N, C-alpha and C. Protein backbone atom coordinates (compact mmCIF):
# COMPACT_ATOMS: atom_id res chain seq x y z
N MET A 1 20.88 10.44 -15.61
CA MET A 1 20.05 9.49 -15.27
C MET A 1 19.23 9.24 -15.81
N ARG A 2 18.76 7.32 -15.68
CA ARG A 2 17.60 7.37 -16.68
C ARG A 2 16.37 7.25 -17.18
N ARG A 3 15.46 6.89 -17.38
CA ARG A 3 14.14 6.76 -17.32
C ARG A 3 13.64 5.22 -17.72
N ARG A 4 12.82 5.34 -17.51
CA ARG A 4 11.99 3.27 -17.46
C ARG A 4 10.64 4.20 -18.17
N GLN A 5 10.48 3.67 -19.01
CA GLN A 5 9.04 3.71 -19.52
C GLN A 5 8.02 2.79 -19.15
N PHE A 6 6.90 3.73 -19.00
CA PHE A 6 6.11 2.71 -18.20
C PHE A 6 4.96 2.66 -19.08
N GLU A 7 3.81 1.47 -19.38
CA GLU A 7 2.78 1.27 -20.28
C GLU A 7 1.75 1.88 -19.66
N ARG A 8 0.86 2.80 -19.69
CA ARG A 8 -0.26 3.00 -19.72
C ARG A 8 -1.90 1.75 -18.82
N ALA A 9 -1.88 2.20 -17.73
CA ALA A 9 -2.62 1.18 -17.64
C ALA A 9 -4.29 0.97 -18.14
N ASP A 10 -4.36 0.10 -18.42
CA ASP A 10 -5.97 0.01 -18.80
C ASP A 10 -6.77 -0.85 -17.36
N HIS A 11 -6.62 -1.10 -16.43
CA HIS A 11 -7.24 -1.49 -14.98
C HIS A 11 -6.41 -1.78 -13.73
N LEU A 12 -6.74 -0.47 -13.17
CA LEU A 12 -6.12 -1.00 -11.78
C LEU A 12 -7.13 -1.54 -10.87
N SER A 13 -6.91 -2.04 -9.82
CA SER A 13 -7.23 -2.16 -8.12
C SER A 13 -6.40 -2.62 -7.59
N LYS A 14 -7.50 -2.97 -5.71
CA LYS A 14 -6.96 -2.53 -5.38
C LYS A 14 -7.77 -3.33 -3.76
N ASP A 15 -6.83 -3.60 -2.94
CA ASP A 15 -7.20 -4.44 -1.71
C ASP A 15 -7.32 -4.12 -0.60
N THR A 16 -7.71 -3.77 0.51
CA THR A 16 -7.09 -2.93 1.94
C THR A 16 -7.92 -3.24 3.00
N SER A 17 -7.40 -4.05 4.25
CA SER A 17 -7.47 -4.54 4.90
C SER A 17 -6.73 -3.72 6.36
N THR A 18 -7.75 -3.20 7.63
CA THR A 18 -7.04 -2.46 8.06
C THR A 18 -7.71 -2.87 9.75
N PRO A 19 -6.83 -3.94 10.36
CA PRO A 19 -7.25 -3.57 11.81
C PRO A 19 -7.02 -2.71 12.11
N GLN A 20 -7.65 -2.99 13.84
CA GLN A 20 -7.56 -1.74 14.55
C GLN A 20 -7.92 -2.76 16.57
N TYR A 21 -6.83 -2.26 16.88
CA TYR A 21 -7.27 -2.73 18.87
C TYR A 21 -7.08 -1.37 19.14
N LYS A 22 -7.55 -1.61 20.20
CA LYS A 22 -7.91 -0.59 21.25
C LYS A 22 -7.11 -1.38 22.47
N SER A 23 -5.63 -0.85 22.97
CA SER A 23 -5.08 -1.91 23.93
C SER A 23 -5.48 -1.44 25.80
N PHE A 24 -5.74 0.54 25.28
CA PHE A 24 -6.09 1.01 26.70
C PHE A 24 -6.73 1.27 26.59
N PRO A 25 -7.73 2.42 27.43
CA PRO A 25 -8.92 3.25 26.97
C PRO A 25 -8.41 4.38 25.64
N LEU A 26 -7.46 5.41 26.08
CA LEU A 26 -7.02 6.12 24.99
C LEU A 26 -5.72 5.85 24.37
N LEU A 27 -5.34 4.37 23.96
CA LEU A 27 -4.66 4.25 23.40
C LEU A 27 -5.25 3.09 21.83
N ILE A 28 -5.39 4.11 20.54
CA ILE A 28 -5.75 2.76 19.91
C ILE A 28 -4.37 2.41 19.02
N MET A 29 -4.29 1.08 18.02
CA MET A 29 -2.85 0.37 17.24
C MET A 29 -4.43 0.11 16.24
N ARG A 30 -3.33 0.04 14.80
CA ARG A 30 -3.96 -0.09 13.57
C ARG A 30 -2.52 -0.57 12.51
N ALA A 31 -2.91 -1.38 11.87
CA ALA A 31 -1.85 -2.01 10.76
C ALA A 31 -2.60 -1.79 9.82
N GLU A 32 -2.18 -2.13 8.67
CA GLU A 32 -3.19 -1.47 7.14
C GLU A 32 -2.11 -2.49 6.09
N PHE A 33 -3.14 -2.97 5.25
CA PHE A 33 -1.67 -3.73 4.40
C PHE A 33 -2.77 -3.82 3.07
N ARG A 34 -2.52 -3.34 2.31
CA ARG A 34 -2.64 -3.07 1.04
C ARG A 34 -2.13 -3.29 -0.01
N ALA A 35 -3.04 -3.78 -1.07
CA ALA A 35 -2.66 -4.49 -2.67
C ALA A 35 -2.96 -4.11 -3.53
N ASP A 36 -2.23 -3.61 -4.29
CA ASP A 36 -2.27 -2.50 -5.71
C ASP A 36 -1.93 -3.69 -6.74
N LYS A 37 -2.97 -3.75 -8.01
CA LYS A 37 -2.78 -4.35 -9.07
C LYS A 37 -3.18 -3.92 -10.24
N SER A 38 -2.69 -4.28 -11.31
CA SER A 38 -3.01 -3.47 -12.76
C SER A 38 -2.76 -4.77 -14.21
N ASP A 39 -3.11 -4.49 -14.52
CA ASP A 39 -2.64 -4.82 -16.07
C ASP A 39 -1.91 -5.48 -16.43
N LYS A 40 -0.52 -4.17 -16.56
CA LYS A 40 0.16 -3.15 -16.87
C LYS A 40 1.59 -3.14 -15.77
N ASN A 41 2.62 -3.01 -16.13
CA ASN A 41 3.51 -2.69 -15.24
C ASN A 41 3.61 -0.91 -15.07
N VAL A 42 3.04 -0.70 -13.78
CA VAL A 42 2.82 0.53 -13.35
C VAL A 42 3.65 1.19 -12.31
N PHE A 43 4.25 0.28 -11.52
CA PHE A 43 4.79 0.58 -10.30
C PHE A 43 6.31 -0.21 -10.35
N LEU A 44 6.91 0.37 -9.43
CA LEU A 44 8.47 0.20 -9.45
C LEU A 44 8.38 -1.79 -8.49
N TYR A 45 9.54 -1.82 -8.83
CA TYR A 45 9.70 -3.18 -7.60
C TYR A 45 11.14 -2.58 -7.43
N GLY A 46 11.90 -2.11 -7.17
CA GLY A 46 13.11 -1.53 -6.96
C GLY A 46 13.56 -0.74 -7.83
N SER A 47 14.15 -1.32 -8.90
CA SER A 47 14.06 -0.48 -10.11
C SER A 47 13.61 -0.82 -11.70
N HIS A 48 12.69 -1.97 -11.35
CA HIS A 48 12.44 -2.56 -11.91
C HIS A 48 11.20 -2.72 -12.21
N PRO A 49 9.81 -2.28 -13.89
CA PRO A 49 8.88 -2.07 -13.27
C PRO A 49 8.50 -3.34 -12.88
N ALA A 50 6.93 -3.37 -12.40
CA ALA A 50 6.46 -4.63 -11.94
C ALA A 50 4.29 -3.89 -12.02
N ASN A 51 4.31 -5.42 -12.05
CA ASN A 51 2.10 -4.81 -12.07
C ASN A 51 1.91 -5.06 -11.12
N HIS A 52 2.42 -5.25 -9.64
CA HIS A 52 1.48 -4.85 -8.67
C HIS A 52 2.53 -5.10 -7.41
N GLN A 53 2.07 -4.36 -5.93
CA GLN A 53 2.57 -3.70 -5.03
C GLN A 53 1.73 -3.76 -4.02
N GLU A 54 2.37 -3.91 -2.73
CA GLU A 54 2.34 -4.56 -1.26
C GLU A 54 2.48 -3.34 -0.56
N THR A 55 2.03 -3.02 0.31
CA THR A 55 1.99 -1.77 1.33
C THR A 55 1.99 -2.49 2.70
N LEU A 56 2.20 -2.46 3.88
CA LEU A 56 2.25 -2.49 5.42
C LEU A 56 2.27 -1.27 5.91
N SER A 57 1.50 -0.65 6.93
CA SER A 57 2.10 0.37 6.87
C SER A 57 1.28 0.57 9.26
N CYS A 58 1.75 1.13 9.78
CA CYS A 58 1.55 0.93 10.97
C CYS A 58 1.65 2.16 11.87
N GLN A 59 0.13 2.16 12.77
CA GLN A 59 -0.25 3.16 13.52
C GLN A 59 -0.38 3.18 15.11
N VAL A 60 -0.25 4.29 15.68
CA VAL A 60 -0.13 4.06 17.25
C VAL A 60 -0.65 6.17 17.64
N ALA A 61 -2.24 5.64 18.55
CA ALA A 61 -2.55 6.67 17.76
C ALA A 61 -3.22 6.97 19.61
N TYR A 62 -2.61 7.88 20.64
CA TYR A 62 -3.32 8.93 21.49
C TYR A 62 -4.24 9.63 21.74
N ILE A 63 -5.42 9.05 22.29
CA ILE A 63 -7.05 9.65 22.40
C ILE A 63 -6.33 10.74 23.55
N PHE A 64 -6.84 11.75 23.15
CA PHE A 64 -6.98 12.94 24.73
C PHE A 64 -7.76 14.42 24.08
């Protein structure tokens, strides 16, 4: 197994957006988009080092 060397980051930042929608009285839907950024290559994009990454996640919650 080959390991990749990553640089140590001096600055990391993130932005997150999480809209929420209540479609029914007991059902909540959320989507979250997160963007991470670094001044060095500390993330992986496939098998290559990168200085940013984006993440999208979805959630459905039933309240009881």
